[in-house]
Every structure is written in C-alpha cells, then in structure tokens.
C-alpha cells in the first residue's frame, strides 16, 4: 500500500536531505536504499545474489577461449 500526504510512512524532507548528502559524498553509493523498510529486503536480495555468484564460480569462471592470452 502506498500512502501519500501526512499519512505516508516516510518524511520527504528527510529523504531529500539524505539524497543530497549521498550525492555530495566523495564516493556516493551506486544505489541508495531509502527507508528502514527497504534495508532488510535489499540485504536479503544481495545475499541471494552473492550465493548464486559463489555457486557459479567454479563452472562459470573459466569460460575464456583456450588460446586467449
């Protein structure tokens, strides 16, 4: 459910300040996860992707041509 106005969960002013702070960093994150309710699902997805990458490492890492330097 998406709420807008005074009933919405997030504070737009705080989001704007966080985005400006993030954008002003020397090395801002490639992806900014906004909202406490978003951190856990994003973390879970990242762990899932890391597990898939590790599971593919042995089979998927050595696919270059044999004559490649």
Protein backbone atom coordinates (compact mmCIF):
# COMPACT_ATOMS: atom_id res chain seq x y z
CA UNK A 1 0.00 0.00 0.00
CA UNK A 2 1.35 3.41 -0.92
CA UNK A 3 0.40 6.28 1.33
CA UNK A 4 0.75 9.93 0.45
CA UNK A 5 0.42 13.12 2.40
CA UNK A 6 0.60 13.28 6.18
CA UNK A 7 -0.17 9.53 6.46
CA UNK A 8 2.83 8.37 4.43
CA UNK A 9 5.48 6.44 6.34
CA UNK A 10 8.49 8.41 5.11
CA UNK A 11 9.35 12.06 5.56
CA UNK A 12 10.01 13.61 2.12
CA UNK A 13 12.21 16.32 3.63
CA UNK A 14 14.40 13.71 5.31
CA UNK A 15 14.61 11.75 2.06
CA UNK A 16 15.64 14.87 0.17
CA UNK A 17 18.32 15.66 2.77
CA UNK A 18 19.61 12.07 2.66
CA UNK A 19 19.76 12.12 -1.15
CA UNK A 20 21.66 15.40 -1.16
CA UNK A 21 24.07 14.07 1.47
CA UNK A 22 24.59 10.87 -0.50
CA UNK A 23 25.09 12.72 -3.78
CA UNK A 24 27.60 15.03 -2.13
CA UNK A 25 29.81 12.21 -0.89
CA UNK A 26 33.22 11.75 -2.49
CA UNK A 27 32.19 8.23 -3.49
CA UNK A 28 28.40 8.03 -3.29
CA UNK A 29 26.84 4.58 -3.35
CA UNK A 30 25.77 3.32 -6.78
CA UNK A 31 22.39 2.51 -5.25
CA UNK A 32 20.82 4.35 -2.35
CA UNK A 33 18.35 2.30 -0.31
CA UNK A 34 15.82 4.66 1.22
CA UNK A 35 13.66 3.72 4.17
CA UNK A 36 14.04 1.35 7.10
CA UNK A 37 11.50 -0.96 5.49
CA UNK A 38 13.70 -1.33 2.39
CA UNK A 39 17.02 -2.24 4.05
CA UNK A 40 16.17 -5.83 5.02
CA UNK A 41 14.69 -6.89 1.64
CA UNK A 42 17.61 -5.33 -0.24
CA UNK A 43 20.09 -7.04 2.09
CA UNK A 44 18.31 -10.37 1.58
CA UNK A 45 18.43 -9.95 -2.22
CA UNK A 46 22.13 -9.08 -2.07
CA UNK A 47 22.84 -12.23 -0.04
CA UNK A 48 20.85 -14.28 -2.55
CA UNK A 49 22.85 -12.83 -5.45
CA UNK A 50 26.15 -13.45 -3.64
CA UNK A 51 25.17 -17.07 -3.03
CA UNK A 52 24.30 -17.50 -6.72
CA UNK A 53 27.62 -15.98 -7.78
CA UNK A 54 29.55 -18.26 -5.43
CA UNK A 55 27.62 -21.30 -6.64
CA UNK A 56 28.53 -20.36 -10.24
CA UNK A 57 32.19 -19.58 -9.56
CA UNK A 58 33.74 -22.96 -10.45
CA UNK A 59 31.65 -23.66 -13.53
CA UNK A 60 31.29 -20.09 -14.81
CA UNK A 61 34.70 -18.57 -14.18
CA UNK A 62 36.77 -20.43 -16.78
CA UNK A 63 34.92 -19.74 -20.00
CA UNK A 64 37.56 -17.79 -21.95
CA UNK A 65 38.92 -19.17 -25.22
CA UNK A 66 41.78 -21.59 -24.59
CA UNK A 67 44.04 -19.52 -26.87
CA UNK A 68 43.27 -16.24 -25.04
CA UNK A 69 46.32 -14.61 -23.51
